[in-house]
Amino acid sequence: MDNPSLSNEGAAGGVLSLMMQGRPIFESGHAVSGLLGLSLLAVQASLPTVFASGGAAARTAHAYLGTAILALFAVHAVQGIQLGLSI
């Protein structure tokens, strides 16, 4: 994945920019997709704990969920670019 400190700096800068402009922070599609993506990553991280008992179904769910998260973060990136250009 990407550099966590770079992500943190980008998030902090974006939030500060929106605050200084008096715009709502967590009402954009970019914020919603980011929070949803982080939540899904938490679920994704917990799936390996059931690999032994869940077998192939857990591994398949892990693979499909990972692919869906990747697609979500591609949408998230596009929304971030659109949000940045609109400021």
PDB file of N, CA and C in Angstrom:
ATOM      1  N   MET A   1       0.835  -1.175   0.000  1.00  0.00           N
ATOM      2  CA  MET A   1       0.000   0.000   0.000  1.00  0.00           C
ATOM      3  C   MET A   1       0.882   1.241   0.000  1.00  0.00           C
ATOM      4  N   ASP A   2       0.286   2.379   0.188  1.00  0.00           N
ATOM      5  CA  ASP A   2       1.055   3.612   0.116  1.00  0.00           C
ATOM      6  C   ASP A   2       1.689   3.951   1.463  1.00  0.00           C
ATOM      7  N   ASN A   3       2.419   5.029   1.486  1.00  0.00           N
ATOM      8  CA  ASN A   3       3.114   5.491   2.688  1.00  0.00           C
ATOM      9  C   ASN A   3       2.095   6.060   3.673  1.00  0.00           C
ATOM     10  N   PRO A   4       1.949   5.458   4.879  1.00  0.00           N
ATOM     11  CA  PRO A   4       0.939   5.944   5.829  1.00  0.00           C
ATOM     12  C   PRO A   4       1.131   7.403   6.229  1.00  0.00           C
ATOM     13  N   SER A   5       2.372   7.844   6.380  1.00  0.00           N
ATOM     14  CA  SER A   5       2.567   9.240   6.791  1.00  0.00           C
ATOM     15  C   SER A   5       2.122  10.192   5.689  1.00  0.00           C
ATOM     16  N   LEU A   6       2.291   9.800   4.443  1.00  0.00           N
ATOM     17  CA  LEU A   6       1.832  10.627   3.325  1.00  0.00           C
ATOM     18  C   LEU A   6       0.305  10.711   3.329  1.00  0.00           C
ATOM     19  N   SER A   7      -0.357   9.588   3.608  1.00  0.00           N
ATOM     20  CA  SER A   7      -1.819   9.587   3.692  1.00  0.00           C
ATOM     21  C   SER A   7      -2.295  10.475   4.830  1.00  0.00           C
ATOM     22  N   ASN A   8      -1.622  10.387   5.968  1.00  0.00           N
ATOM     23  CA  ASN A   8      -2.007  11.205   7.121  1.00  0.00           C
ATOM     24  C   ASN A   8      -1.827  12.686   6.829  1.00  0.00           C
ATOM     25  N   GLU A   9      -0.737  13.029   6.174  1.00  0.00           N
ATOM     26  CA  GLU A   9      -0.498  14.430   5.838  1.00  0.00           C
ATOM     27  C   GLU A   9      -1.550  14.937   4.854  1.00  0.00           C
ATOM     28  N   GLY A  10      -1.889  14.114   3.889  1.00  0.00           N
ATOM     29  CA  GLY A  10      -2.909  14.503   2.917  1.00  0.00           C
ATOM     30  C   GLY A  10      -4.265  14.676   3.569  1.00  0.00           C
ATOM     31  N   ALA A  11      -4.609  13.763   4.461  1.00  0.00           N
ATOM     32  CA  ALA A  11      -5.902  13.858   5.160  1.00  0.00           C
ATOM     33  C   ALA A  11      -5.949  15.104   6.035  1.00  0.00           C
ATOM     34  N   ALA A  12      -4.879  15.351   6.771  1.00  0.00           N
ATOM     35  CA  ALA A  12      -4.842  16.524   7.650  1.00  0.00           C
ATOM     36  C   ALA A  12      -4.925  17.815   6.837  1.00  0.00           C
ATOM     37  N   GLY A  13      -4.200  17.863   5.743  1.00  0.00           N
ATOM     38  CA  GLY A  13      -4.235  19.054   4.890  1.00  0.00           C
ATOM     39  C   GLY A  13      -5.600  19.275   4.277  1.00  0.00           C
ATOM     40  N   GLY A  14      -6.238  18.204   3.831  1.00  0.00           N
ATOM     41  CA  GLY A  14      -7.570  18.320   3.248  1.00  0.00           C
ATOM     42  C   GLY A  14      -8.607  18.775   4.261  1.00  0.00           C
ATOM     43  N   VAL A  15      -8.544  18.211   5.462  1.00  0.00           N
ATOM     44  CA  VAL A  15      -9.493  18.587   6.514  1.00  0.00           C
ATOM     45  C   VAL A  15      -9.297  20.052   6.898  1.00  0.00           C
ATOM     46  N   LEU A  16      -8.050  20.464   7.074  1.00  0.00           N
ATOM     47  CA  LEU A  16      -7.779  21.864   7.427  1.00  0.00           C
ATOM     48  C   LEU A  16      -8.243  22.819   6.331  1.00  0.00           C
ATOM     49  N   SER A  17      -8.019  22.435   5.085  1.00  0.00           N
ATOM     50  CA  SER A  17      -8.441  23.282   3.977  1.00  0.00           C
ATOM     51  C   SER A  17      -9.958  23.456   3.969  1.00  0.00           C
ATOM     52  N   LEU A  18     -10.686  22.351   4.160  1.00  0.00           N
ATOM     53  CA  LEU A  18     -12.144  22.432   4.188  1.00  0.00           C
ATOM     54  C   LEU A  18     -12.632  23.256   5.381  1.00  0.00           C
ATOM     55  N   MET A  19     -11.988  23.081   6.547  1.00  0.00           N
ATOM     56  CA  MET A  19     -12.380  23.837   7.741  1.00  0.00           C
ATOM     57  C   MET A  19     -12.186  25.331   7.537  1.00  0.00           C
ATOM     58  N   MET A  20     -11.050  25.705   6.943  1.00  0.00           N
ATOM     59  CA  MET A  20     -10.760  27.128   6.742  1.00  0.00           C
ATOM     60  C   MET A  20     -11.727  27.758   5.751  1.00  0.00           C
ATOM     61  N   GLN A  21     -12.283  26.951   4.853  1.00  0.00           N
ATOM     62  CA  GLN A  21     -13.247  27.466   3.882  1.00  0.00           C
ATOM     63  C   GLN A  21     -14.673  27.380   4.385  1.00  0.00           C
ATOM     64  N   GLY A  22     -14.866  26.822   5.581  1.00  0.00           N
ATOM     65  CA  GLY A  22     -16.202  26.702   6.144  1.00  0.00           C
ATOM     66  C   GLY A  22     -17.049  25.645   5.461  1.00  0.00           C
ATOM     67  N   ARG A  23     -16.419  24.708   4.776  1.00  0.00           N
ATOM     68  CA  ARG A  23     -17.151  23.648   4.083  1.00  0.00           C
ATOM     69  C   ARG A  23     -17.315  22.444   5.003  1.00  0.00           C
ATOM     70  N   PRO A  24     -18.378  21.651   4.828  1.00  0.00           N
ATOM     71  CA  PRO A  24     -18.560  20.453   5.660  1.00  0.00           C
ATOM     72  C   PRO A  24     -17.452  19.439   5.395  1.00  0.00           C
ATOM     73  N   ILE A  25     -16.993  18.791   6.448  1.00  0.00           N
ATOM     74  CA  ILE A  25     -15.838  17.903   6.327  1.00  0.00           C
ATOM     75  C   ILE A  25     -16.237  16.487   5.932  1.00  0.00           C
ATOM     76  N   PHE A  26     -17.183  15.908   6.640  1.00  0.00           N
ATOM     77  CA  PHE A  26     -17.497  14.496   6.437  1.00  0.00           C
ATOM     78  C   PHE A  26     -18.767  14.269   5.625  1.00  0.00           C
ATOM     79  N   GLU A  27     -19.094  15.198   4.743  1.00  0.00           N
ATOM     80  CA  GLU A  27     -20.283  15.045   3.919  1.00  0.00           C
ATOM     81  C   GLU A  27     -19.957  14.783   2.451  1.00  0.00           C
ATOM     82  N   SER A  28     -18.695  14.758   2.108  1.00  0.00           N
ATOM     83  CA  SER A  28     -18.334  14.514   0.714  1.00  0.00           C
ATOM     84  C   SER A  28     -18.268  13.011   0.442  1.00  0.00           C
ATOM     85  N   GLY A  29     -18.400  12.668  -0.810  1.00  0.00           N
ATOM     86  CA  GLY A  29     -18.260  11.269  -1.206  1.00  0.00           C
ATOM     87  C   GLY A  29     -16.873  10.735  -0.892  1.00  0.00           C
ATOM     88  N   HIS A  30     -15.885  11.611  -0.957  1.00  0.00           N
ATOM     89  CA  HIS A  30     -14.508  11.222  -0.666  1.00  0.00           C
ATOM     90  C   HIS A  30     -14.365  10.806   0.792  1.00  0.00           C
ATOM     91  N   ALA A  31     -14.973  11.550   1.706  1.00  0.00           N
ATOM     92  CA  ALA A  31     -14.905  11.195   3.129  1.00  0.00           C
ATOM     93  C   ALA A  31     -15.653   9.896   3.405  1.00  0.00           C
ATOM     94  N   VAL A  32     -16.822   9.757   2.806  1.00  0.00           N
ATOM     95  CA  VAL A  32     -17.625   8.552   3.012  1.00  0.00           C
ATOM     96  C   VAL A  32     -16.898   7.322   2.467  1.00  0.00           C
ATOM     97  N   SER A  33     -16.340   7.431   1.262  1.00  0.00           N
ATOM     98  CA  SER A  33     -15.641   6.280   0.687  1.00  0.00           C
ATOM     99  C   SER A  33     -14.380   5.949   1.479  1.00  0.00           C
ATOM    100  N   GLY A  34     -13.724   6.957   2.030  1.00  0.00           N
ATOM    101  CA  GLY A  34     -12.542   6.709   2.857  1.00  0.00           C
ATOM    102  C   GLY A  34     -12.889   5.981   4.145  1.00  0.00           C
ATOM    103  N   LEU A  35     -13.944   6.436   4.821  1.00  0.00           N
ATOM    104  CA  LEU A  35     -14.364   5.774   6.061  1.00  0.00           C
ATOM    105  C   LEU A  35     -14.877   4.364   5.791  1.00  0.00           C
ATOM    106  N   LEU A  36     -15.612   4.192   4.706  1.00  0.00           N
ATOM    107  CA  LEU A  36     -16.088   2.866   4.330  1.00  0.00           C
ATOM    108  C   LEU A  36     -14.911   1.947   4.001  1.00  0.00           C
ATOM    109  N   GLY A  37     -13.942   2.477   3.267  1.00  0.00           N
ATOM    110  CA  GLY A  37     -12.763   1.684   2.925  1.00  0.00           C
ATOM    111  C   GLY A  37     -11.970   1.253   4.147  1.00  0.00           C
ATOM    112  N   LEU A  38     -11.803   2.152   5.097  1.00  0.00           N
ATOM    113  CA  LEU A  38     -11.089   1.794   6.327  1.00  0.00           C
ATOM    114  C   LEU A  38     -11.850   0.744   7.124  1.00  0.00           C
ATOM    115  N   SER A  39     -13.162   0.849   7.151  1.00  0.00           N
ATOM    116  CA  SER A  39     -13.977  -0.152   7.846  1.00  0.00           C
ATOM    117  C   SER A  39     -13.851  -1.522   7.175  1.00  0.00           C
ATOM    118  N   LEU A  40     -13.905  -1.529   5.843  1.00  0.00           N
ATOM    119  CA  LEU A  40     -13.759  -2.798   5.124  1.00  0.00           C
ATOM    120  C   LEU A  40     -12.361  -3.385   5.289  1.00  0.00           C
ATOM    121  N   LEU A  41     -11.350  -2.525   5.387  1.00  0.00           N
ATOM    122  CA  LEU A  41      -9.996  -3.031   5.638  1.00  0.00           C
ATOM    123  C   LEU A  41      -9.903  -3.711   7.002  1.00  0.00           C
ATOM    124  N   ALA A  42     -10.634  -3.205   7.983  1.00  0.00           N
ATOM    125  CA  ALA A  42     -10.653  -3.845   9.301  1.00  0.00           C
ATOM    126  C   ALA A  42     -11.282  -5.236   9.217  1.00  0.00           C
ATOM    127  N   VAL A  43     -12.374  -5.346   8.455  1.00  0.00           N
ATOM    128  CA  VAL A  43     -12.996  -6.661   8.247  1.00  0.00           C
ATOM    129  C   VAL A  43     -12.025  -7.577   7.504  1.00  0.00           C
ATOM    130  N   GLN A  44     -11.388  -7.051   6.487  1.00  0.00           N
ATOM    131  CA  GLN A  44     -10.419  -7.816   5.688  1.00  0.00           C
ATOM    132  C   GLN A  44      -9.284  -8.338   6.562  1.00  0.00           C
ATOM    133  N   ALA A  45      -8.833  -7.515   7.485  1.00  0.00           N
ATOM    134  CA  ALA A  45      -7.732  -7.911   8.357  1.00  0.00           C
ATOM    135  C   ALA A  45      -8.141  -9.015   9.328  1.00  0.00           C
ATOM    136  N   SER A  46      -9.422  -9.095   9.656  1.00  0.00           N
ATOM    137  CA  SER A  46      -9.882 -10.116  10.601  1.00  0.00           C
ATOM    138  C   SER A  46     -10.156 -11.464   9.932  1.00  0.00           C
ATOM    139  N   LEU A  47     -10.323 -11.493   8.630  1.00  0.00           N
ATOM    140  CA  LEU A  47     -10.648 -12.740   7.944  1.00  0.00           C
ATOM    141  C   LEU A  47      -9.592 -13.841   8.095  1.00  0.00           C
ATOM    142  N   PRO A  48      -8.298 -13.549   8.087  1.00  0.00           N
ATOM    143  CA  PRO A  48      -7.325 -14.639   8.246  1.00  0.00           C
ATOM    144  C   PRO A  48      -7.471 -15.412   9.556  1.00  0.00           C
ATOM    145  N   THR A  49      -8.106 -14.830  10.551  1.00  0.00           N
ATOM    146  CA  THR A  49      -8.284 -15.546  11.815  1.00  0.00           C
ATOM    147  C   THR A  49      -9.251 -16.722  11.663  1.00  0.00           C
ATOM    148  N   VAL A  50     -10.080 -16.721  10.627  1.00  0.00           N
ATOM    149  CA  VAL A  50     -11.014 -17.827  10.412  1.00  0.00           C
ATOM    150  C   VAL A  50     -10.610 -18.724   9.239  1.00  0.00           C
ATOM    151  N   PHE A  51      -9.415 -18.541   8.721  1.00  0.00           N
ATOM    152  CA  PHE A  51      -8.969 -19.384   7.611  1.00  0.00           C
ATOM    153  C   PHE A  51      -8.959 -20.865   7.993  1.00  0.00           C
ATOM    154  N   ALA A  52      -8.514 -21.177   9.186  1.00  0.00           N
ATOM    155  CA  ALA A  52      -8.416 -22.581   9.595  1.00  0.00           C
ATOM    156  C   ALA A  52      -9.802 -23.222   9.702  1.00  0.00           C
ATOM    157  N   SER A  53     -10.752 -22.506  10.288  1.00  0.00           N
ATOM    158  CA  SER A  53     -12.094 -23.080  10.462  1.00  0.00           C
ATOM    159  C   SER A  53     -12.992 -22.845   9.244  1.00  0.00           C
ATOM    160  N   GLY A  54     -12.788 -21.737   8.546  1.00  0.00           N
ATOM    161  CA  GLY A  54     -13.648 -21.393   7.419  1.00  0.00           C
ATOM    162  C   GLY A  54     -13.221 -22.011   6.102  1.00  0.00           C
ATOM    163  N   GLY A  55     -11.972 -22.423   6.042  1.00  0.00           N
ATOM    164  CA  GLY A  55     -11.468 -23.081   4.851  1.00  0.00           C
ATOM    165  C   GLY A  55     -11.495 -22.214   3.608  1.00  0.00           C
ATOM    166  N   ALA A  56     -11.895 -22.861   2.509  1.00  0.00           N
ATOM    167  CA  ALA A  56     -11.868 -22.205   1.202  1.00  0.00           C
ATOM    168  C   ALA A  56     -12.837 -21.029   1.131  1.00  0.00           C
ATOM    169  N   ALA A  57     -13.962 -21.117   1.818  1.00  0.00           N
ATOM    170  CA  ALA A  57     -14.944 -20.034   1.771  1.00  0.00           C
ATOM    171  C   ALA A  57     -14.366 -18.747   2.358  1.00  0.00           C
ATOM    172  N   ALA A  58     -13.625 -18.871   3.455  1.00  0.00           N
ATOM    173  CA  ALA A  58     -13.021 -17.680   4.072  1.00  0.00           C
ATOM    174  C   ALA A  58     -11.955 -17.083   3.160  1.00  0.00           C
ATOM    175  N   ARG A  59     -11.183 -17.942   2.517  1.00  0.00           N
ATOM    176  CA  ARG A  59     -10.146 -17.447   1.598  1.00  0.00           C
ATOM    177  C   ARG A  59     -10.770 -16.772   0.371  1.00  0.00           C
ATOM    178  N   THR A  60     -11.847 -17.338  -0.116  1.00  0.00           N
ATOM    179  CA  THR A  60     -12.543 -16.741  -1.259  1.00  0.00           C
ATOM    180  C   THR A  60     -13.137 -15.388  -0.875  1.00  0.00           C
ATOM    181  N   ALA A  61     -13.764 -15.323   0.299  1.00  0.00           N
ATOM    182  CA  ALA A  61     -14.320 -14.053   0.781  1.00  0.00           C
ATOM    183  C   ALA A  61     -13.216 -13.017   0.930  1.00  0.00           C
ATOM    184  N   HIS A  62     -12.061 -13.436   1.430  1.00  0.00           N
ATOM    185  CA  HIS A  62     -10.916 -12.547   1.610  1.00  0.00           C
ATOM    186  C   HIS A  62     -10.471 -11.978   0.259  1.00  0.00           C
ATOM    187  N   ALA A  63     -10.412 -12.841  -0.750  1.00  0.00           N
ATOM    188  CA  ALA A  63      -9.978 -12.404  -2.083  1.00  0.00           C
ATOM    189  C   ALA A  63     -10.981 -11.442  -2.717  1.00  0.00           C
ATOM    190  N   TYR A  64     -12.270 -11.786  -2.659  1.00  0.00           N
ATOM    191  CA  TYR A  64     -13.289 -10.913  -3.249  1.00  0.00           C
ATOM    192  C   TYR A  64     -13.388  -9.581  -2.515  1.00  0.00           C
ATOM    193  N   LEU A  65     -13.318  -9.627  -1.194  1.00  0.00           N
ATOM    194  CA  LEU A  65     -13.384  -8.390  -0.426  1.00  0.00           C
ATOM    195  C   LEU A  65     -12.176  -7.507  -0.728  1.00  0.00           C
ATOM    196  N   GLY A  66     -11.010  -8.104  -0.845  1.00  0.00           N
ATOM    197  CA  GLY A  66      -9.809  -7.335  -1.184  1.00  0.00           C
ATOM    198  C   GLY A  66      -9.928  -6.655  -2.533  1.00  0.00           C
ATOM    199  N   THR A  67     -10.492  -7.360  -3.495  1.00  0.00           N
ATOM    200  CA  THR A  67     -10.699  -6.784  -4.828  1.00  0.00           C
ATOM    201  C   THR A  67     -11.704  -5.637  -4.771  1.00  0.00           C
ATOM    202  N   ALA A  68     -12.774  -5.818  -4.001  1.00  0.00           N
ATOM    203  CA  ALA A  68     -13.778  -4.760  -3.865  1.00  0.00           C
ATOM    204  C   ALA A  68     -13.190  -3.529  -3.179  1.00  0.00           C
ATOM    205  N   ILE A  69     -12.342  -3.745  -2.178  1.00  0.00           N
ATOM    206  CA  ILE A  69     -11.705  -2.620  -1.482  1.00  0.00           C
ATOM    207  C   ILE A  69     -10.783  -1.859  -2.432  1.00  0.00           C
ATOM    208  N   LEU A  70     -10.060  -2.592  -3.258  1.00  0.00           N
ATOM    209  CA  LEU A  70      -9.177  -1.946  -4.232  1.00  0.00           C
ATOM    210  C   LEU A  70      -9.986  -1.078  -5.195  1.00  0.00           C
ATOM    211  N   ALA A  71     -11.119  -1.593  -5.659  1.00  0.00           N
ATOM    212  CA  ALA A  71     -11.978  -0.815  -6.552  1.00  0.00           C
ATOM    213  C   ALA A  71     -12.540   0.410  -5.827  1.00  0.00           C
ATOM    214  N   LEU A  72     -12.935   0.226  -4.564  1.00  0.00           N
ATOM    215  CA  LEU A  72     -13.451   1.350  -3.781  1.00  0.00           C
ATOM    216  C   LEU A  72     -12.401   2.447  -3.636  1.00  0.00           C
ATOM    217  N   PHE A  73     -11.154   2.058  -3.383  1.00  0.00           N
ATOM    218  CA  PHE A  73     -10.113   3.066  -3.217  1.00  0.00           C
ATOM    219  C   PHE A  73      -9.745   3.728  -4.547  1.00  0.00           C
ATOM    220  N   ALA A  74      -9.976   3.061  -5.671  1.00  0.00           N
ATOM    221  CA  ALA A  74      -9.798   3.727  -6.969  1.00  0.00           C
ATOM    222  C   ALA A  74     -10.842   4.836  -7.123  1.00  0.00           C
ATOM    223  N   VAL A  75     -12.094   4.535  -6.750  1.00  0.00           N
ATOM    224  CA  VAL A  75     -13.154   5.548  -6.764  1.00  0.00           C
ATOM    225  C   VAL A  75     -12.813   6.659  -5.775  1.00  0.00           C
ATOM    226  N   HIS A  76     -12.307   6.275  -4.613  1.00  0.00           N
ATOM    227  CA  HIS A  76     -11.912   7.231  -3.580  1.00  0.00           C
ATOM    228  C   HIS A  76     -10.850   8.205  -4.114  1.00  0.00           C
ATOM    229  N   ALA A  77      -9.901   7.691  -4.871  1.00  0.00           N
ATOM    230  CA  ALA A  77      -8.851   8.545  -5.437  1.00  0.00           C
ATOM    231  C   ALA A  77      -9.437   9.549  -6.433  1.00  0.00           C
ATOM    232  N   VAL A  78     -10.336   9.081  -7.276  1.00  0.00           N
ATOM    233  CA  VAL A  78     -10.966   9.978  -8.245  1.00  0.00           C
ATOM    234  C   VAL A  78     -11.763  11.064  -7.521  1.00  0.00           C
ATOM    235  N   GLN A  79     -12.494  10.663  -6.480  1.00  0.00           N
ATOM    236  CA  GLN A  79     -13.257  11.650  -5.708  1.00  0.00           C
ATOM    237  C   GLN A  79     -12.336  12.658  -5.026  1.00  0.00           C
ATOM    238  N   GLY A  80     -11.198  12.199  -4.558  1.00  0.00           N
ATOM    239  CA  GLY A  80     -10.236  13.104  -3.933  1.00  0.00           C
ATOM    240  C   GLY A  80      -9.684  14.111  -4.912  1.00  0.00           C
ATOM    241  N   ILE A  81      -9.393  13.675  -6.107  1.00  0.00           N
ATOM    242  CA  ILE A  81      -8.900  14.593  -7.138  1.00  0.00           C
ATOM    243  C   ILE A  81      -9.985  15.615  -7.488  1.00  0.00           C
ATOM    244  N   GLN A  82     -11.211  15.150  -7.641  1.00  0.00           N
ATOM    245  CA  GLN A  82     -12.314  16.059  -7.939  1.00  0.00           C
ATOM    246  C   GLN A  82     -12.525  17.058  -6.799  1.00  0.00           C
ATOM    247  N   LEU A  83     -12.437  16.592  -5.561  1.00  0.00           N
ATOM    248  CA  LEU A  83     -12.607  17.474  -4.427  1.00  0.00           C
ATOM    249  C   LEU A  83     -11.481  18.512  -4.367  1.00  0.00           C
ATOM    250  N   GLY A  84     -10.261  18.052  -4.611  1.00  0.00           N
ATOM    251  CA  GLY A  84      -9.127  18.966  -4.596  1.00  0.00           C
ATOM    252  C   GLY A  84      -9.205  20.027  -5.685  1.00  0.00           C
ATOM    253  N   LEU A  85      -9.685  19.646  -6.828  1.00  0.00           N
ATOM    254  CA  LEU A  85      -9.803  20.605  -7.944  1.00  0.00           C
ATOM    255  C   LEU A  85     -10.962  21.575  -7.739  1.00  0.00           C
ATOM    256  N   SER A  86     -11.929  21.189  -6.897  1.00  0.00           N
ATOM    257  CA  SER A  86     -13.080  22.064  -6.685  1.00  0.00           C
ATOM    258  C   SER A  86     -12.812  23.131  -5.627  1.00  0.00           C
ATOM    259  N   ILE A  87     -11.737  23.002  -4.897  1.00  0.00           N
ATOM    260  CA  ILE A  87     -11.435  23.942  -3.811  1.00  0.00           C
ATOM    261  C   ILE A  87     -10.835  25.211  -4.369  1.00  0.00           C
TER     262      ILE A  87
END
